Amino acid sequence: MKKVVFFGAPDKSHLLLVLGKLLTAMERKVLIVDSTLAQSMQGYLPQAEFGCSLREFEGIDVATGLITPAQLERSLLQAGGETAYDVMLLDTDHTEFVKGRELQGYDKRVWCSNWSRLVMHKNAELMQRLCLHEAESQPLSFYRLIAPTLPTAMPETYFDSLLPQQAVHWEDTVFRFPLDERDMSVELDNQHHGRIDIRRLSGTYRRNVLDMLQQLFDCDAKTARRAWARSRKRSRVR
């Protein structure tokens, strides 16, 4: 099973659900785990299912309200046994689920931030608590994701000044999602309609997500585009 962890304070729920939907279009069995303090993933799930720890949504298994791996294991057992997943996407903003030497058990690690001063300082504290020096494979590689990206007077190197440079290898690729009213509208519509409809997402959003598919899940550009086309078609027929 390929495991990808998304760290950081910003809300990444919609992005992970879009990635999960594209991965299911590639015929992969996907588990998304929301282990954040805010539990924003529940905002996209049907209200009748609030409080459930594991449920199916848009062809994806979504686990919410979980802080530790042991809680996830119990949820999977209660749901009828551990399913053979192809991909697990973990969303977390604390260190109870994974840190230290456990980090190298994840195939890819994505560091998520934005230009909010509070978010940046929370992320800096989180990075310190991850105990990167305990990992046997050093330095550990991380991708960076900035969402939303906005034009500011501050250079992106300002991020680096707040984060430790030892025991970390930053990948050259940076995923940047510009603030776009259309994308925000789609996110809100998807929340209130209990679905993940990608048809009205902007071209920039589409390009960034397809780039993430290729970088994080080792698929080629043609496969990624086909997954997007299948997902658009499935949204249209609903």
Protein backbone atom coordinates (compact mmCIF):
# COMPACT_ATOMS: atom_id res chain seq x y z
CA MET A 1 0.00 0.00 0.00
CA LYS A 2 1.30 3.43 -0.96
CA LYS A 3 1.03 5.88 1.94
CA VAL A 4 1.19 9.66 1.55
CA VAL A 5 0.99 12.03 4.52
CA PHE A 6 -0.09 15.67 4.30
CA PHE A 7 1.15 17.74 7.25
CA GLY A 8 0.18 21.24 8.30
CA ALA A 9 -2.45 23.58 9.67
CA PRO A 10 -4.34 24.61 6.47
CA ASP A 11 -7.53 22.79 5.49
CA LYS A 12 -6.67 20.25 2.79
CA SER A 13 -9.90 18.22 2.86
CA HIS A 14 -11.25 19.14 -0.57
CA LEU A 15 -7.91 18.61 -2.27
CA LEU A 16 -7.49 15.16 -0.73
CA LEU A 17 -11.02 14.17 -1.75
CA VAL A 18 -10.33 15.30 -5.33
CA LEU A 19 -7.11 13.28 -5.35
CA GLY A 20 -8.99 10.31 -3.90
CA LYS A 21 -11.66 10.54 -6.58
CA LEU A 22 -9.04 10.59 -9.34
CA LEU A 23 -7.25 7.62 -7.81
CA THR A 24 -10.49 5.63 -7.72
CA ALA A 25 -10.93 6.50 -11.41
CA MET A 26 -7.54 4.79 -11.84
CA GLU A 27 -9.13 1.72 -10.20
CA ARG A 28 -7.23 2.07 -6.95
CA LYS A 29 -8.80 1.30 -3.58
CA VAL A 30 -8.35 4.49 -1.53
CA LEU A 31 -8.49 5.25 2.20
CA ILE A 32 -8.42 8.86 3.41
CA VAL A 33 -7.74 9.43 7.11
CA ASP A 34 -8.65 12.78 8.66
CA SER A 35 -6.54 12.96 11.80
CA THR A 36 -6.70 16.75 12.14
CA LEU A 37 -7.90 18.67 15.17
CA ALA A 38 -10.56 20.52 13.14
CA GLN A 39 -11.97 17.42 11.39
CA SER A 40 -12.86 19.53 8.33
CA MET A 41 -13.39 16.42 6.20
CA GLN A 42 -16.76 15.93 7.89
CA GLY A 43 -17.98 19.11 6.22
CA TYR A 44 -18.14 17.20 2.92
CA LEU A 45 -19.85 14.06 4.21
CA PRO A 46 -23.64 13.56 4.35
CA GLN A 47 -24.95 14.90 7.65
CA ALA A 48 -26.62 11.62 8.51
CA GLU A 49 -23.18 10.05 8.69
CA PHE A 50 -21.64 12.52 11.17
CA GLY A 51 -20.05 10.69 14.05
CA CYS A 52 -19.19 7.53 12.08
CA SER A 53 -15.46 6.84 12.09
CA LEU A 54 -15.31 5.00 8.76
CA ARG A 55 -17.68 5.33 5.82
CA GLU A 56 -17.72 5.17 2.02
CA PHE A 57 -17.98 8.45 0.14
CA GLU A 58 -17.62 8.94 -3.62
CA GLY A 59 -16.06 5.49 -3.90
CA ILE A 60 -13.47 6.37 -1.24
CA ASP A 61 -13.27 5.00 2.29
CA VAL A 62 -13.02 8.00 4.63
CA ALA A 63 -12.00 7.68 8.29
CA THR A 64 -12.64 10.64 10.61
CA GLY A 65 -12.31 11.41 14.31
CA LEU A 66 -9.10 9.38 14.63
CA ILE A 67 -5.98 10.57 16.44
CA THR A 68 -3.76 7.47 16.54
CA PRO A 69 -2.98 4.49 14.26
CA ALA A 70 -4.48 2.15 16.89
CA GLN A 71 -7.84 3.92 16.55
CA LEU A 72 -7.68 3.44 12.79
CA GLU A 73 -6.97 -0.26 13.19
CA ARG A 74 -9.98 -0.64 15.50
CA SER A 75 -12.22 1.22 13.03
CA LEU A 76 -11.14 -1.03 10.19
CA LEU A 77 -11.80 -4.16 12.29
CA GLN A 78 -15.23 -2.90 13.32
CA ALA A 79 -16.02 -2.29 9.66
CA GLY A 80 -15.44 -5.95 8.89
CA GLY A 81 -11.73 -6.43 8.79
CA GLU A 82 -8.78 -4.67 7.24
CA THR A 83 -9.34 -3.95 3.55
CA ALA A 84 -6.49 -4.28 1.07
CA TYR A 85 -6.09 -0.62 0.14
CA ASP A 86 -3.86 0.50 -2.69
CA VAL A 87 -3.44 4.05 -1.34
CA MET A 88 -3.78 5.74 2.04
CA LEU A 89 -3.88 9.54 2.28
CA LEU A 90 -3.30 10.85 5.81
CA ASP A 91 -4.22 14.44 6.72
CA THR A 92 -2.79 15.53 10.08
CA ASP A 93 -1.74 18.65 11.97
CA HIS A 94 -0.28 16.97 15.08
CA THR A 95 2.24 14.26 15.95
CA GLU A 96 0.05 11.62 17.59
CA PHE A 97 -0.45 9.64 14.38
CA VAL A 98 3.09 9.69 12.97
CA LYS A 99 6.47 11.17 13.87
CA GLY A 100 10.15 10.30 14.21
CA ARG A 101 11.23 6.99 12.72
CA GLU A 102 7.60 6.22 11.72
CA LEU A 103 7.83 8.93 9.05
CA GLN A 104 9.99 6.83 6.76
CA GLY A 105 7.13 4.32 6.52
CA TYR A 106 5.34 6.83 4.27
CA ASP A 107 6.22 6.84 0.59
CA LYS A 108 5.71 10.60 0.17
CA ARG A 109 5.44 13.49 2.63
CA VAL A 110 3.79 16.82 1.76
CA TRP A 111 4.24 19.96 3.87
CA CYS A 112 1.18 22.22 3.54
CA SER A 113 1.14 25.91 4.39
CA ASN A 114 -0.14 29.32 3.34
CA TRP A 115 0.84 32.93 4.01
CA SER A 116 -1.09 33.26 7.28
CA ARG A 117 1.32 34.25 10.03
CA LEU A 118 -0.44 32.04 12.59
CA VAL A 119 -0.47 29.03 10.24
CA MET A 120 3.23 29.46 9.50
CA HIS A 121 4.15 29.55 13.18
CA LYS A 122 1.91 26.57 13.99
CA ASN A 123 3.60 24.68 11.19
CA ALA A 124 7.05 25.61 12.49
CA GLU A 125 6.12 24.22 15.91
CA LEU A 126 4.73 21.06 14.28
CA MET A 127 7.94 20.52 12.35
CA GLN A 128 9.93 20.71 15.59
CA ARG A 129 7.67 18.12 17.24
CA LEU A 130 8.04 15.66 14.35
CA CYS A 131 11.47 14.61 15.70
CA LEU A 132 12.96 14.26 12.22
CA HIS A 133 16.37 13.43 13.67
CA GLU A 134 15.00 10.07 14.87
CA ALA A 135 14.34 8.81 11.35
CA GLU A 136 16.90 6.26 10.19
CA SER A 137 16.84 7.58 6.62
CA GLN A 138 18.12 11.14 6.74
CA PRO A 139 17.42 13.61 5.42
CA LEU A 140 13.73 12.87 4.86
CA SER A 141 12.27 14.27 1.65
CA PHE A 142 9.22 16.56 1.70
CA TYR A 143 7.19 18.23 -1.01
CA ARG A 144 5.78 21.68 -0.31
CA LEU A 145 2.20 22.74 -0.98
CA ILE A 146 1.07 26.36 -0.67
CA ALA A 147 -2.69 26.90 -0.67
CA PRO A 148 -3.86 29.46 -1.32
CA THR A 149 -0.96 31.16 -3.09
CA LEU A 150 -1.24 34.94 -3.10
CA PRO A 151 0.97 37.73 -4.42
CA THR A 152 2.80 39.20 -1.41
CA ALA A 153 5.95 41.18 -0.75
CA MET A 154 7.40 38.21 1.13
CA PRO A 155 9.59 35.76 -0.82
CA GLU A 156 8.96 32.04 -0.49
CA THR A 157 12.38 31.76 1.15
CA TYR A 158 10.66 33.23 4.22
CA PHE A 159 9.11 29.78 4.70
CA ASP A 160 12.58 28.32 4.95
CA SER A 161 13.60 30.75 7.67
CA LEU A 162 10.86 29.34 9.93
CA LEU A 163 11.63 25.66 9.29
CA PRO A 164 14.62 23.54 10.28
CA GLN A 165 17.00 22.83 7.43
CA GLN A 166 18.67 19.81 9.00
CA ALA A 167 17.21 16.32 8.46
CA VAL A 168 14.96 17.67 5.67
CA HIS A 169 15.37 17.47 1.91
CA TRP A 170 12.92 19.76 0.12
CA GLU A 171 11.89 18.48 -3.29
CA ASP A 172 12.27 20.95 -6.15
CA THR A 173 8.58 20.65 -7.02
CA VAL A 174 6.29 23.04 -5.12
CA PHE A 175 2.52 22.66 -5.52
CA ARG A 176 0.97 26.15 -5.65
CA PHE A 177 -2.80 26.65 -5.68
CA PRO A 178 -3.68 30.31 -6.37
CA LEU A 179 -6.71 31.79 -4.66
CA ASP A 180 -9.57 31.49 -7.16
CA GLU A 181 -13.22 32.39 -6.53
CA ARG A 182 -14.42 29.66 -8.87
CA ASP A 183 -12.49 26.97 -7.00
CA MET A 184 -13.80 28.28 -3.67
CA SER A 185 -17.34 28.16 -5.06
CA VAL A 186 -16.88 24.54 -6.15
CA GLU A 187 -15.61 23.59 -2.69
CA LEU A 188 -18.65 25.14 -1.02
CA ASP A 189 -21.08 23.56 -3.50
CA ASN A 190 -19.49 20.16 -2.95
CA GLN A 191 -19.86 20.54 0.82
CA HIS A 192 -23.55 21.38 0.69
CA HIS A 193 -24.42 18.81 -1.99
CA GLY A 194 -22.46 15.96 -0.38
CA ARG A 195 -20.40 15.21 -3.48
CA ILE A 196 -17.08 15.85 -5.20
CA ASP A 197 -17.90 17.41 -8.58
CA ILE A 198 -14.73 18.54 -10.37
CA ARG A 199 -16.28 19.92 -13.57
CA ARG A 200 -16.15 23.63 -12.69
CA LEU A 201 -12.69 23.66 -11.13
CA SER A 202 -10.27 26.08 -12.79
CA GLY A 203 -7.66 25.04 -15.32
CA THR A 204 -4.90 25.98 -12.87
CA TYR A 205 -6.41 23.75 -10.19
CA ARG A 206 -6.68 20.90 -12.69
CA ARG A 207 -3.04 21.26 -13.78
CA ASN A 208 -1.82 21.30 -10.18
CA VAL A 209 -3.83 18.23 -9.19
CA LEU A 210 -2.66 16.28 -12.24
CA ASP A 211 0.93 17.27 -11.40
CA MET A 212 0.41 15.94 -7.87
CA LEU A 213 -0.91 12.65 -9.24
CA GLN A 214 2.21 12.23 -11.31
CA GLN A 215 4.67 13.30 -8.60
CA LEU A 216 3.13 11.52 -5.62
CA PHE A 217 1.65 8.40 -7.19
CA ASP A 218 4.14 7.67 -9.97
CA CYS A 219 1.71 7.76 -12.87
CA ASP A 220 2.34 9.29 -16.29
CA ALA A 221 0.62 12.38 -17.70
CA LYS A 222 -1.65 10.38 -19.99
CA THR A 223 -2.95 8.22 -17.12
CA ALA A 224 -3.57 11.31 -14.99
CA ARG A 225 -5.54 13.04 -17.77
CA ARG A 226 -7.65 9.92 -18.33
CA ALA A 227 -8.46 9.80 -14.62
CA TRP A 228 -9.64 13.41 -14.76
CA ALA A 229 -11.80 12.72 -17.81
CA ARG A 230 -13.41 9.68 -16.14
CA SER A 231 -14.10 11.64 -12.96
CA ARG A 232 -15.70 14.50 -14.93
CA LYS A 233 -17.94 12.05 -16.75
CA ARG A 234 -19.03 10.37 -13.52
CA SER A 235 -19.89 13.78 -12.04
CA ARG A 236 -22.00 14.64 -15.10
CA VAL A 237 -24.14 11.50 -14.95
CA ARG A 238 -25.07 11.92 -11.28
